[in-house]
N, C-alpha and C. Protein backbone atom coordinates (compact mmCIF):
# COMPACT_ATOMS: atom_id res chain seq x y z
N MET A 1 78.35 130.91 80.42
CA MET A 1 78.90 129.64 80.90
C MET A 1 79.98 129.87 81.95
N ILE A 2 80.80 130.88 81.73
CA ILE A 2 81.88 131.17 82.68
C ILE A 2 81.29 131.52 84.04
N ASN A 3 80.23 132.34 84.04
CA ASN A 3 79.61 132.73 85.31
C ASN A 3 79.02 131.51 86.02
N LYS A 4 78.44 130.61 85.25
CA LYS A 4 77.86 129.41 85.84
C LYS A 4 78.94 128.59 86.53
N ASP A 5 80.05 128.38 85.84
CA ASP A 5 81.15 127.60 86.41
C ASP A 5 81.68 128.28 87.67
N ARG A 6 81.80 129.58 87.61
CA ARG A 6 82.32 130.32 88.76
C ARG A 6 81.39 130.14 89.96
N ASN A 7 80.09 130.22 89.72
CA ASN A 7 79.12 130.09 90.81
C ASN A 7 79.17 128.68 91.42
N SER A 8 79.28 127.66 90.58
CA SER A 8 79.31 126.30 91.10
C SER A 8 80.59 126.06 91.87
N ASN A 9 81.70 126.65 91.42
CA ASN A 9 82.97 126.50 92.14
C ASN A 9 82.87 127.12 93.52
N VAL A 10 82.23 128.29 93.60
CA VAL A 10 82.07 128.97 94.89
C VAL A 10 81.20 128.12 95.81
N ALA A 11 80.14 127.55 95.28
CA ALA A 11 79.24 126.74 96.09
C ALA A 11 79.98 125.51 96.63
N ILE A 12 80.77 124.89 95.79
CA ILE A 12 81.51 123.69 96.21
C ILE A 12 82.53 124.05 97.29
N SER A 13 83.22 125.16 97.12
CA SER A 13 84.25 125.55 98.09
C SER A 13 83.63 125.99 99.42
N ASN A 14 82.35 126.37 99.39
CA ASN A 14 81.68 126.80 100.63
C ASN A 14 81.23 125.60 101.46
N VAL A 15 81.16 124.43 100.84
CA VAL A 15 80.73 123.23 101.57
C VAL A 15 81.89 122.69 102.41
N ASP A 16 81.61 122.40 103.67
CA ASP A 16 82.65 121.85 104.55
C ASP A 16 82.76 120.35 104.30
N PRO A 17 83.88 119.87 103.77
CA PRO A 17 84.03 118.45 103.44
C PRO A 17 83.85 117.54 104.66
N ARG A 18 84.28 118.01 105.82
CA ARG A 18 84.13 117.19 107.03
C ARG A 18 82.66 117.02 107.38
N LYS A 19 81.91 118.11 107.26
CA LYS A 19 80.48 118.06 107.54
C LYS A 19 79.80 117.11 106.56
N LEU A 20 80.19 117.23 105.28
CA LEU A 20 79.58 116.43 104.23
C LEU A 20 79.86 114.95 104.46
N SER A 21 81.11 114.62 104.79
CA SER A 21 81.46 113.21 104.99
C SER A 21 80.76 112.65 106.23
N LYS A 22 80.58 113.49 107.25
CA LYS A 22 79.87 113.04 108.46
C LYS A 22 78.42 112.71 108.11
N GLN A 23 77.79 113.58 107.30
CA GLN A 23 76.40 113.34 106.91
C GLN A 23 76.30 112.06 106.09
N LEU A 24 77.26 111.89 105.16
CA LEU A 24 77.26 110.71 104.30
C LEU A 24 77.45 109.45 105.14
N PHE A 25 78.38 109.49 106.08
CA PHE A 25 78.65 108.34 106.94
C PHE A 25 77.43 108.00 107.78
N ALA A 26 76.77 109.03 108.31
CA ALA A 26 75.57 108.82 109.12
C ALA A 26 74.47 108.17 108.28
N ALA A 27 74.33 108.62 107.04
CA ALA A 27 73.31 108.07 106.15
C ALA A 27 73.61 106.61 105.84
N LEU A 28 74.88 106.31 105.58
CA LEU A 28 75.27 104.92 105.29
C LEU A 28 75.01 104.03 106.50
N GLN A 29 75.37 104.50 107.69
CA GLN A 29 75.11 103.74 108.91
C GLN A 29 73.62 103.49 109.07
N HIS A 30 72.82 104.53 108.83
CA HIS A 30 71.37 104.45 108.97
C HIS A 30 70.81 103.34 108.08
N PHE A 31 71.21 103.34 106.81
CA PHE A 31 70.72 102.33 105.86
C PHE A 31 71.23 100.95 106.26
N PHE A 32 72.50 100.89 106.68
CA PHE A 32 73.10 99.60 107.05
C PHE A 32 72.36 98.97 108.23
N TYR A 33 72.10 99.76 109.26
CA TYR A 33 71.42 99.23 110.44
C TYR A 33 69.97 98.87 110.12
N ASN A 34 69.34 99.64 109.23
CA ASN A 34 67.97 99.31 108.84
C ASN A 34 67.93 97.97 108.13
N ASP A 35 68.93 97.71 107.28
CA ASP A 35 69.00 96.44 106.55
C ASP A 35 69.23 95.29 107.52
N CYS A 36 70.05 95.50 108.54
CA CYS A 36 70.35 94.45 109.51
C CYS A 36 69.12 94.12 110.35
N ASP A 37 68.33 95.13 110.67
CA ASP A 37 67.15 94.90 111.51
C ASP A 37 66.10 94.08 110.77
N SER A 38 65.97 94.30 109.46
CA SER A 38 64.93 93.61 108.69
C SER A 38 65.44 92.30 108.11
């Protein structure tokens, strides 16, 4: 269990939060504009 937690912590810290938020924002915009068009 300790090794699992350690691995997940490393994976999380390797993710760039700015990149992640940009992707999330782009996805939200995509869905929002699709809803407005229809």
